[in-house]
Amino acid sequence: MPRPRFILVLLSLAALTIGQGLCVAQAADPPRSPDRIVLAQGGISLNQAIAMVERRFRARVVRSDVRQEGGRTIYVLRLLDDAGNAQVVRVDAQTGSIS
């Protein structure tokens, strides 16, 4: 009959292995929400782009998407101003240029 300590050690190792697998799976998911920092190589983060656009357009970002276009990371930000006007702004993550 197995000893209780041995069973406890096996269960602990199994729990650790499963937990590490979940962490790896979560880390592989692409960040999509604005509260996560997304860094482009040598560029600006999604949070920096949001702050920059909100200041410049005096509007609130209500939705953000991260896209890959032509090998570049583009942040697509949807804005809503106090008057209720909506607009879409695109920010190049590498250069920070707004279009």
PDB file of N, CA and C in Angstrom:
ATOM      1  N   MET A   1       0.842  -1.177   0.000  1.00  0.00           N
ATOM      2  CA  MET A   1       0.000   0.000   0.000  1.00  0.00           C
ATOM      3  C   MET A   1       0.889   1.243   0.000  1.00  0.00           C
ATOM      4  N   PRO A   2       0.644   2.231  -0.884  1.00  0.00           N
ATOM      5  CA  PRO A   2       1.477   3.425  -0.966  1.00  0.00           C
ATOM      6  C   PRO A   2       1.358   4.263   0.292  1.00  0.00           C
ATOM      7  N   ARG A   3       2.449   4.909   0.600  1.00  0.00           N
ATOM      8  CA  ARG A   3       2.450   5.770   1.773  1.00  0.00           C
ATOM      9  C   ARG A   3       1.781   7.100   1.446  1.00  0.00           C
ATOM     10  N   PRO A   4       1.077   7.704   2.409  1.00  0.00           N
ATOM     11  CA  PRO A   4       0.392   8.981   2.177  1.00  0.00           C
ATOM     12  C   PRO A   4       1.344  10.101   1.749  1.00  0.00           C
ATOM     13  N   ARG A   5       2.559  10.132   2.271  1.00  0.00           N
ATOM     14  CA  ARG A   5       3.517  11.173   1.912  1.00  0.00           C
ATOM     15  C   ARG A   5       3.891  11.075   0.433  1.00  0.00           C
ATOM     16  N   PHE A   6       4.087   9.857  -0.054  1.00  0.00           N
ATOM     17  CA  PHE A   6       4.426   9.635  -1.451  1.00  0.00           C
ATOM     18  C   PHE A   6       3.298  10.118  -2.360  1.00  0.00           C
ATOM     19  N   ILE A   7       2.057   9.812  -1.998  1.00  0.00           N
ATOM     20  CA  ILE A   7       0.900  10.241  -2.776  1.00  0.00           C
ATOM     21  C   ILE A   7       0.800  11.760  -2.777  1.00  0.00           C
ATOM     22  N   LEU A   8       1.046  12.379  -1.626  1.00  0.00           N
ATOM     23  CA  LEU A   8       1.002  13.835  -1.517  1.00  0.00           C
ATOM     24  C   LEU A   8       2.052  14.489  -2.421  1.00  0.00           C
ATOM     25  N   VAL A   9       3.248  13.918  -2.473  1.00  0.00           N
ATOM     26  CA  VAL A   9       4.316  14.438  -3.331  1.00  0.00           C
ATOM     27  C   VAL A   9       3.919  14.313  -4.802  1.00  0.00           C
ATOM     28  N   LEU A  10       3.357  13.187  -5.190  1.00  0.00           N
ATOM     29  CA  LEU A  10       2.932  12.994  -6.576  1.00  0.00           C
ATOM     30  C   LEU A  10       1.829  13.978  -6.962  1.00  0.00           C
ATOM     31  N   LEU A  11       0.866  14.179  -6.081  1.00  0.00           N
ATOM     32  CA  LEU A  11      -0.213  15.133  -6.361  1.00  0.00           C
ATOM     33  C   LEU A  11       0.332  16.562  -6.471  1.00  0.00           C
ATOM     34  N   SER A  12       1.280  16.919  -5.633  1.00  0.00           N
ATOM     35  CA  SER A  12       1.878  18.254  -5.684  1.00  0.00           C
ATOM     36  C   SER A  12       2.620  18.470  -7.008  1.00  0.00           C
ATOM     37  N   LEU A  13       3.390  17.480  -7.424  1.00  0.00           N
ATOM     38  CA  LEU A  13       4.109  17.582  -8.694  1.00  0.00           C
ATOM     39  C   LEU A  13       3.146  17.686  -9.869  1.00  0.00           C
ATOM     40  N   ALA A  14       2.072  16.934  -9.820  1.00  0.00           N
ATOM     41  CA  ALA A  14       1.080  16.999 -10.899  1.00  0.00           C
ATOM     42  C   ALA A  14       0.451  18.386 -10.945  1.00  0.00           C
ATOM     43  N   ALA A  15       0.134  18.954  -9.793  1.00  0.00           N
ATOM     44  CA  ALA A  15      -0.473  20.287  -9.749  1.00  0.00           C
ATOM     45  C   ALA A  15       0.495  21.335 -10.283  1.00  0.00           C
ATOM     46  N   LEU A  16       1.765  21.233  -9.940  1.00  0.00           N
ATOM     47  CA  LEU A  16       2.762  22.184 -10.440  1.00  0.00           C
ATOM     48  C   LEU A  16       2.910  22.084 -11.954  1.00  0.00           C
ATOM     49  N   THR A  17       2.934  20.875 -12.463  1.00  0.00           N
ATOM     50  CA  THR A  17       3.078  20.674 -13.906  1.00  0.00           C
ATOM     51  C   THR A  17       1.887  21.250 -14.658  1.00  0.00           C
ATOM     52  N   ILE A  18       0.698  21.019 -14.154  1.00  0.00           N
ATOM     53  CA  ILE A  18      -0.503  21.547 -14.801  1.00  0.00           C
ATOM     54  C   ILE A  18      -0.499  23.069 -14.731  1.00  0.00           C
ATOM     55  N   GLY A  19      -0.132  23.622 -13.580  1.00  0.00           N
ATOM     56  CA  GLY A  19      -0.085  25.078 -13.411  1.00  0.00           C
ATOM     57  C   GLY A  19       0.902  25.732 -14.355  1.00  0.00           C
ATOM     58  N   GLN A  20       2.072  25.120 -14.550  1.00  0.00           N
ATOM     59  CA  GLN A  20       3.059  25.686 -15.464  1.00  0.00           C
ATOM     60  C   GLN A  20       2.558  25.634 -16.891  1.00  0.00           C
ATOM     61  N   GLY A  21       1.852  24.597 -17.256  1.00  0.00           N
ATOM     62  CA  GLY A  21       1.297  24.490 -18.600  1.00  0.00           C
ATOM     63  C   GLY A  21       0.285  25.585 -18.869  1.00  0.00           C
ATOM     64  N   LEU A  22      -0.520  25.923 -17.858  1.00  0.00           N
ATOM     65  CA  LEU A  22      -1.505  26.990 -18.026  1.00  0.00           C
ATOM     66  C   LEU A  22      -0.817  28.337 -18.182  1.00  0.00           C
ATOM     67  N   CYS A  23       0.243  28.569 -17.427  1.00  0.00           N
ATOM     68  CA  CYS A  23       0.962  29.843 -17.535  1.00  0.00           C
ATOM     69  C   CYS A  23       1.561  30.012 -18.923  1.00  0.00           C
ATOM     70  N   VAL A  24       2.115  28.953 -19.471  1.00  0.00           N
ATOM     71  CA  VAL A  24       2.698  29.031 -20.807  1.00  0.00           C
ATOM     72  C   VAL A  24       1.611  29.309 -21.833  1.00  0.00           C
ATOM     73  N   ALA A  25       0.462  28.664 -21.693  1.00  0.00           N
ATOM     74  CA  ALA A  25      -0.633  28.873 -22.645  1.00  0.00           C
ATOM     75  C   ALA A  25      -1.144  30.299 -22.563  1.00  0.00           C
ATOM     76  N   GLN A  26      -1.234  30.859 -21.365  1.00  0.00           N
ATOM     77  CA  GLN A  26      -1.706  32.222 -21.217  1.00  0.00           C
ATOM     78  C   GLN A  26      -0.695  33.208 -21.782  1.00  0.00           C
ATOM     79  N   ALA A  27       0.585  32.951 -21.609  1.00  0.00           N
ATOM     80  CA  ALA A  27       1.618  33.861 -22.100  1.00  0.00           C
ATOM     81  C   ALA A  27       1.647  33.890 -23.624  1.00  0.00           C
ATOM     82  N   ALA A  28       1.219  32.807 -24.268  1.00  0.00           N
ATOM     83  CA  ALA A  28       1.253  32.751 -25.724  1.00  0.00           C
ATOM     84  C   ALA A  28       0.103  33.524 -26.358  1.00  0.00           C
ATOM     85  N   ASP A  29      -0.957  33.813 -25.585  1.00  0.00           N
ATOM     86  CA  ASP A  29      -2.086  34.561 -26.124  1.00  0.00           C
ATOM     87  C   ASP A  29      -1.666  35.993 -26.420  1.00  0.00           C
ATOM     88  N   PRO A  30      -2.046  36.535 -27.572  1.00  0.00           N
ATOM     89  CA  PRO A  30      -1.685  37.920 -27.868  1.00  0.00           C
ATOM     90  C   PRO A  30      -2.475  38.886 -27.004  1.00  0.00           C
ATOM     91  N   PRO A  31      -1.819  39.891 -26.478  1.00  0.00           N
ATOM     92  CA  PRO A  31      -2.535  40.863 -25.673  1.00  0.00           C
ATOM     93  C   PRO A  31      -3.505  41.659 -26.526  1.00  0.00           C
ATOM     94  N   ARG A  32      -4.717  41.833 -26.056  1.00  0.00           N
ATOM     95  CA  ARG A  32      -5.722  42.523 -26.840  1.00  0.00           C
ATOM     96  C   ARG A  32      -6.411  43.645 -26.080  1.00  0.00           C
ATOM     97  N   SER A  33      -6.376  43.597 -24.760  1.00  0.00           N
ATOM     98  CA  SER A  33      -7.096  44.630 -24.031  1.00  0.00           C
ATOM     99  C   SER A  33      -6.198  45.831 -23.771  1.00  0.00           C
ATOM    100  N   PRO A  34      -6.784  47.031 -23.679  1.00  0.00           N
ATOM    101  CA  PRO A  34      -5.982  48.233 -23.511  1.00  0.00           C
ATOM    102  C   PRO A  34      -5.262  48.311 -22.179  1.00  0.00           C
ATOM    103  N   ASP A  35      -5.623  47.494 -21.206  1.00  0.00           N
ATOM    104  CA  ASP A  35      -4.941  47.577 -19.933  1.00  0.00           C
ATOM    105  C   ASP A  35      -3.639  46.788 -19.920  1.00  0.00           C
ATOM    106  N   ARG A  36      -3.361  46.075 -20.978  1.00  0.00           N
ATOM    107  CA  ARG A  36      -2.087  45.375 -21.092  1.00  0.00           C
ATOM    108  C   ARG A  36      -1.123  46.221 -21.893  1.00  0.00           C
ATOM    109  N   ILE A  37       0.150  46.114 -21.552  1.00  0.00           N
ATOM    110  CA  ILE A  37       1.160  46.850 -22.293  1.00  0.00           C
ATOM    111  C   ILE A  37       1.651  45.966 -23.431  1.00  0.00           C
ATOM    112  N   VAL A  38       1.567  46.479 -24.624  1.00  0.00           N
ATOM    113  CA  VAL A  38       2.018  45.764 -25.808  1.00  0.00           C
ATOM    114  C   VAL A  38       3.198  46.551 -26.363  1.00  0.00           C
ATOM    115  N   LEU A  39       4.361  45.959 -26.400  1.00  0.00           N
ATOM    116  CA  LEU A  39       5.528  46.661 -26.908  1.00  0.00           C
ATOM    117  C   LEU A  39       5.856  46.205 -28.313  1.00  0.00           C
ATOM    118  N   ALA A  40       6.015  47.144 -29.191  1.00  0.00           N
ATOM    119  CA  ALA A  40       6.498  46.850 -30.533  1.00  0.00           C
ATOM    120  C   ALA A  40       8.012  46.989 -30.488  1.00  0.00           C
ATOM    121  N   GLN A  41       8.705  46.349 -31.385  1.00  0.00           N
ATOM    122  CA  GLN A  41      10.156  46.423 -31.386  1.00  0.00           C
ATOM    123  C   GLN A  41      10.594  47.863 -31.604  1.00  0.00           C
ATOM    124  N   GLY A  42      11.234  48.443 -30.589  1.00  0.00           N
ATOM    125  CA  GLY A  42      11.759  49.793 -30.706  1.00  0.00           C
ATOM    126  C   GLY A  42      10.698  50.859 -30.867  1.00  0.00           C
ATOM    127  N   GLY A  43       9.452  50.564 -30.540  1.00  0.00           N
ATOM    128  CA  GLY A  43       8.382  51.518 -30.758  1.00  0.00           C
ATOM    129  C   GLY A  43       7.682  51.925 -29.483  1.00  0.00           C
ATOM    130  N   ILE A  44       6.386  52.178 -29.603  1.00  0.00           N
ATOM    131  CA  ILE A  44       5.601  52.607 -28.457  1.00  0.00           C
ATOM    132  C   ILE A  44       4.612  51.520 -28.072  1.00  0.00           C
ATOM    133  N   SER A  45       4.214  51.525 -26.812  1.00  0.00           N
ATOM    134  CA  SER A  45       3.253  50.544 -26.329  1.00  0.00           C
ATOM    135  C   SER A  45       1.839  50.980 -26.685  1.00  0.00           C
ATOM    136  N   LEU A  46       0.923  50.056 -26.569  1.00  0.00           N
ATOM    137  CA  LEU A  46      -0.478  50.371 -26.809  1.00  0.00           C
ATOM    138  C   LEU A  46      -0.946  51.426 -25.809  1.00  0.00           C
ATOM    139  N   ASN A  47      -0.535  51.312 -24.558  1.00  0.00           N
ATOM    140  CA  ASN A  47      -0.932  52.298 -23.547  1.00  0.00           C
ATOM    141  C   ASN A  47      -0.397  53.683 -23.889  1.00  0.00           C
ATOM    142  N   GLN A  48       0.825  53.758 -24.378  1.00  0.00           N
ATOM    143  CA  GLN A  48       1.387  55.051 -24.783  1.00  0.00           C
ATOM    144  C   GLN A  48       0.612  55.633 -25.962  1.00  0.00           C
ATOM    145  N   ALA A  49       0.252  54.786 -26.918  1.00  0.00           N
ATOM    146  CA  ALA A  49      -0.508  55.249 -28.082  1.00  0.00           C
ATOM    147  C   ALA A  49      -1.876  55.775 -27.657  1.00  0.00           C
ATOM    148  N   ILE A  50      -2.523  55.087 -26.741  1.00  0.00           N
ATOM    149  CA  ILE A  50      -3.831  55.526 -26.259  1.00  0.00           C
ATOM    150  C   ILE A  50      -3.722  56.882 -25.578  1.00  0.00           C
ATOM    151  N   ALA A  51      -2.754  57.029 -24.686  1.00  0.00           N
ATOM    152  CA  ALA A  51      -2.583  58.301 -23.975  1.00  0.00           C
ATOM    153  C   ALA A  51      -2.301  59.438 -24.953  1.00  0.00           C
ATOM    154  N   MET A  52      -1.446  59.181 -25.940  1.00  0.00           N
ATOM    155  CA  MET A  52      -1.077  60.188 -26.926  1.00  0.00           C
ATOM    156  C   MET A  52      -2.303  60.628 -27.739  1.00  0.00           C
ATOM    157  N   VAL A  53      -3.092  59.676 -28.194  1.00  0.00           N
ATOM    158  CA  VAL A  53      -4.266  59.971 -29.025  1.00  0.00           C
ATOM    159  C   VAL A  53      -5.347  60.668 -28.201  1.00  0.00           C
ATOM    160  N   GLU A  54      -5.554  60.240 -26.972  1.00  0.00           N
ATOM    161  CA  GLU A  54      -6.571  60.880 -26.134  1.00  0.00           C
ATOM    162  C   GLU A  54      -6.224  62.352 -25.872  1.00  0.00           C
ATOM    163  N   ARG A  55      -4.935  62.635 -25.653  1.00  0.00           N
ATOM    164  CA  ARG A  55      -4.518  64.039 -25.457  1.00  0.00           C
ATOM    165  C   ARG A  55      -4.688  64.847 -26.734  1.00  0.00           C
ATOM    166  N   ARG A  56      -4.240  64.285 -27.832  1.00  0.00           N
ATOM    167  CA  ARG A  56      -4.251  65.026 -29.091  1.00  0.00           C
ATOM    168  C   ARG A  56      -5.671  65.328 -29.588  1.00  0.00           C
ATOM    169  N   PHE A  57      -6.567  64.354 -29.499  1.00  0.00           N
ATOM    170  CA  PHE A  57      -7.910  64.508 -30.044  1.00  0.00           C
ATOM    171  C   PHE A  57      -8.942  64.901 -28.982  1.00  0.00           C
ATOM    172  N   ARG A  58      -8.511  64.995 -27.737  1.00  0.00           N
ATOM    173  CA  ARG A  58      -9.417  65.320 -26.621  1.00  0.00           C
ATOM    174  C   ARG A  58     -10.653  64.441 -26.671  1.00  0.00           C
ATOM    175  N   ALA A  59     -10.411  63.150 -26.764  1.00  0.00           N
ATOM    176  CA  ALA A  59     -11.473  62.158 -26.845  1.00  0.00           C
ATOM    177  C   ALA A  59     -11.034  60.922 -26.064  1.00  0.00           C
ATOM    178  N   ARG A  60     -11.975  60.047 -25.819  1.00  0.00           N
ATOM    179  CA  ARG A  60     -11.709  58.842 -25.050  1.00  0.00           C
ATOM    180  C   ARG A  60     -11.638  57.654 -26.002  1.00  0.00           C
ATOM    181  N   VAL A  61     -10.638  56.807 -25.815  1.00  0.00           N
ATOM    182  CA  VAL A  61     -10.528  55.572 -26.608  1.00  0.00           C
ATOM    183  C   VAL A  61     -11.511  54.570 -26.020  1.00  0.00           C
ATOM    184  N   VAL A  62     -12.438  54.111 -26.847  1.00  0.00           N
ATOM    185  CA  VAL A  62     -13.460  53.169 -26.387  1.00  0.00           C
ATOM    186  C   VAL A  62     -13.191  51.741 -26.856  1.00  0.00           C
ATOM    187  N   ARG A  63     -12.283  51.600 -27.822  1.00  0.00           N
ATOM    188  CA  ARG A  63     -11.916  50.275 -28.296  1.00  0.00           C
ATOM    189  C   ARG A  63     -10.552  50.340 -28.962  1.00  0.00           C
ATOM    190  N   SER A  64      -9.794  49.275 -28.797  1.00  0.00           N
ATOM    191  CA  SER A  64      -8.486  49.225 -29.456  1.00  0.00           C
ATOM    192  C   SER A  64      -8.271  47.840 -30.046  1.00  0.00           C
ATOM    193  N   ASP A  65      -7.612  47.811 -31.186  1.00  0.00           N
ATOM    194  CA  ASP A  65      -7.241  46.564 -31.848  1.00  0.00           C
ATOM    195  C   ASP A  65      -5.775  46.666 -32.242  1.00  0.00           C
ATOM    196  N   VAL A  66      -5.092  45.546 -32.222  1.00  0.00           N
ATOM    197  CA  VAL A  66      -3.702  45.479 -32.664  1.00  0.00           C
ATOM    198  C   VAL A  66      -3.680  44.628 -33.915  1.00  0.00           C
ATOM    199  N   ARG A  67      -3.155  45.182 -35.000  1.00  0.00           N
ATOM    200  CA  ARG A  67      -3.121  44.465 -36.280  1.00  0.00           C
ATOM    201  C   ARG A  67      -1.705  44.433 -36.834  1.00  0.00           C
ATOM    202  N   GLN A  68      -1.449  43.445 -37.643  1.00  0.00           N
ATOM    203  CA  GLN A  68      -0.191  43.339 -38.372  1.00  0.00           C
ATOM    204  C   GLN A  68      -0.501  43.642 -39.832  1.00  0.00           C
ATOM    205  N   GLU A  69       0.122  44.672 -40.378  1.00  0.00           N
ATOM    206  CA  GLU A  69      -0.086  45.044 -41.772  1.00  0.00           C
ATOM    207  C   GLU A  69       1.259  45.303 -42.425  1.00  0.00           C
ATOM    208  N   GLY A  70       1.583  44.523 -43.418  1.00  0.00           N
ATOM    209  CA  GLY A  70       2.839  44.697 -44.132  1.00  0.00           C
ATOM    210  C   GLY A  70       4.053  44.569 -43.227  1.00  0.00           C
ATOM    211  N   GLY A  71       3.987  43.671 -42.257  1.00  0.00           N
ATOM    212  CA  GLY A  71       5.104  43.467 -41.350  1.00  0.00           C
ATOM    213  C   GLY A  71       5.199  44.522 -40.249  1.00  0.00           C
ATOM    214  N   ARG A  72       4.233  45.400 -40.149  1.00  0.00           N
ATOM    215  CA  ARG A  72       4.241  46.450 -39.127  1.00  0.00           C
ATOM    216  C   ARG A  72       3.070  46.236 -38.172  1.00  0.00           C
ATOM    217  N   THR A  73       3.270  46.645 -36.925  1.00  0.00           N
ATOM    218  CA  THR A  73       2.201  46.600 -35.935  1.00  0.00           C
ATOM    219  C   THR A  73       1.466  47.930 -35.980  1.00  0.00           C
ATOM    220  N   ILE A  74       0.153  47.857 -36.137  1.00  0.00           N
ATOM    221  CA  ILE A  74      -0.693  49.042 -36.207  1.00  0.00           C
ATOM    222  C   ILE A  74      -1.732  48.955 -35.095  1.00  0.00           C
ATOM    223  N   TYR A  75      -1.862  50.035 -34.313  1.00  0.00           N
ATOM    224  CA  TYR A  75      -2.913  50.122 -33.313  1.00  0.00           C
ATOM    225  C   TYR A  75      -4.090  50.859 -33.952  1.00  0.00           C
ATOM    226  N   VAL A  76      -5.251  50.232 -33.955  1.00  0.00           N
ATOM    227  CA  VAL A  76      -6.458  50.858 -34.481  1.00  0.00           C
ATOM    228  C   VAL A  76      -7.296  51.248 -33.265  1.00  0.00           C
ATOM    229  N   LEU A  77      -7.468  52.559 -33.068  1.00  0.00           N
ATOM    230  CA  LEU A  77      -8.136  53.075 -31.879  1.00  0.00           C
ATOM    231  C   LEU A  77      -9.437  53.750 -32.275  1.00  0.00           C
ATOM    232  N   ARG A  78     -10.509  53.403 -31.602  1.00  0.00           N
ATOM    233  CA  ARG A  78     -11.802  54.033 -31.835  1.00  0.00           C
ATOM    234  C   ARG A  78     -12.037  55.034 -30.720  1.00  0.00           C
ATOM    235  N   LEU A  79     -12.337  56.274 -31.112  1.00  0.00           N
ATOM    236  CA  LEU A  79     -12.469  57.377 -30.162  1.00  0.00           C
ATOM    237  C   LEU A  79     -13.903  57.869 -30.087  1.00  0.00           C
ATOM    238  N   LEU A  80     -14.246  58.417 -28.939  1.00  0.00           N
ATOM    239  CA  LEU A  80     -15.537  59.048 -28.738  1.00  0.00           C
ATOM    240  C   LEU A  80     -15.288  60.336 -27.961  1.00  0.00           C
ATOM    241  N   ASP A  81     -15.723  61.489 -28.536  1.00  0.00           N
ATOM    242  CA  ASP A  81     -15.510  62.764 -27.842  1.00  0.00           C
ATOM    243  C   ASP A  81     -16.738  63.121 -27.008  1.00  0.00           C
ATOM    244  N   ASP A  82     -16.647  64.241 -26.291  1.00  0.00           N
ATOM    245  CA  ASP A  82     -17.732  64.659 -25.399  1.00  0.00           C
ATOM    246  C   ASP A  82     -19.031  64.954 -26.145  1.00  0.00           C
ATOM    247  N   ALA A  83     -18.929  65.349 -27.401  1.00  0.00           N
ATOM    248  CA  ALA A  83     -20.118  65.647 -28.197  1.00  0.00           C
ATOM    249  C   ALA A  83     -20.767  64.379 -28.762  1.00  0.00           C
ATOM    250  N   GLY A  84     -20.129  63.236 -28.562  1.00  0.00           N
ATOM    251  CA  GLY A  84     -20.671  61.977 -29.061  1.00  0.00           C
ATOM    252  C   GLY A  84     -20.183  61.602 -30.441  1.00  0.00           C
ATOM    253  N   ASN A  85     -19.216  62.351 -30.971  1.00  0.00           N
ATOM    254  CA  ASN A  85     -18.659  62.047 -32.296  1.00  0.00           C
ATOM    255  C   ASN A  85     -17.642  60.917 -32.176  1.00  0.00           C
ATOM    256  N   ALA A  86     -17.743  59.967 -33.085  1.00  0.00           N
ATOM    257  CA  ALA A  86     -16.829  58.832 -33.095  1.00  0.00           C
ATOM    258  C   ALA A  86     -15.884  58.948 -34.284  1.00  0.00           C
ATOM    259  N   GLN A  87     -14.669  58.476 -34.094  1.00  0.00           N
ATOM    260  CA  GLN A  87     -13.713  58.412 -35.194  1.00  0.00           C
ATOM    261  C   GLN A  87     -12.720  57.287 -34.939  1.00  0.00           C
ATOM    262  N   VAL A  88     -12.060  56.878 -36.003  1.00  0.00           N
ATOM    263  CA  VAL A  88     -11.062  55.818 -35.924  1.00  0.00           C
ATOM    264  C   VAL A  88      -9.707  56.413 -36.266  1.00  0.00           C
ATOM    265  N   VAL A  89      -8.718  56.093 -35.433  1.00  0.00           N
ATOM    266  CA  VAL A  89      -7.354  56.590 -35.631  1.00  0.00           C
ATOM    267  C   VAL A  89      -6.431  55.392 -35.669  1.00  0.00           C
ATOM    268  N   ARG A  90      -5.445  55.439 -36.560  1.00  0.00           N
ATOM    269  CA  ARG A  90      -4.463  54.377 -36.681  1.00  0.00           C
ATOM    270  C   ARG A  90      -3.103  54.921 -36.234  1.00  0.00           C
ATOM    271  N   VAL A  91      -2.410  54.147 -35.400  1.00  0.00           N
ATOM    272  CA  VAL A  91      -1.090  54.549 -34.907  1.00  0.00           C
ATOM    273  C   VAL A  91      -0.089  53.464 -35.267  1.00  0.00           C
ATOM    274  N   ASP A  92       0.982  53.879 -35.933  1.00  0.00           N
ATOM    275  CA  ASP A  92       2.067  52.962 -36.249  1.00  0.00           C
ATOM    276  C   ASP A  92       2.844  52.714 -34.955  1.00  0.00           C
ATOM    277  N   ALA A  93       2.915  51.483 -34.515  1.00  0.00           N
ATOM    278  CA  ALA A  93       3.543  51.157 -33.230  1.00  0.00           C
ATOM    279  C   ALA A  93       5.054  51.393 -33.236  1.00  0.00           C
ATOM    280  N   GLN A  94       5.679  51.345 -34.392  1.00  0.00           N
ATOM    281  CA  GLN A  94       7.128  51.521 -34.450  1.00  0.00           C
ATOM    282  C   GLN A  94       7.508  53.003 -34.437  1.00  0.00           C
ATOM    283  N   THR A  95       6.774  53.833 -35.167  1.00  0.00           N
ATOM    284  CA  THR A  95       7.142  55.234 -35.285  1.00  0.00           C
ATOM    285  C   THR A  95       6.287  56.162 -34.437  1.00  0.00           C
ATOM    286  N   GLY A  96       5.080  55.707 -34.057  1.00  0.00           N
ATOM    287  CA  GLY A  96       4.158  56.550 -33.310  1.00  0.00           C
ATOM    288  C   GLY A  96       3.391  57.507 -34.186  1.00  0.00           C
ATOM    289  N   SER A  97       3.515  57.382 -35.496  1.00  0.00           N
ATOM    290  CA  SER A  97       2.799  58.291 -36.393  1.00  0.00           C
ATOM    291  C   SER A  97       1.307  57.957 -36.400  1.00  0.00           C
ATOM    292  N   ILE A  98       0.505  59.017 -36.459  1.00  0.00           N
ATOM    293  CA  ILE A  98      -0.944  58.893 -36.390  1.00  0.00           C
ATOM    294  C   ILE A  98      -1.529  59.164 -37.780  1.00  0.00           C
ATOM    295  N   SER A  99      -2.466  58.313 -38.177  1.00  0.00           N
ATOM    296  CA  SER A  99      -3.171  58.553 -39.437  1.00  0.00           C
ATOM    297  C   SER A  99      -4.642  58.295 -39.259  1.00  0.00           C
TER     298      SER A  99
END
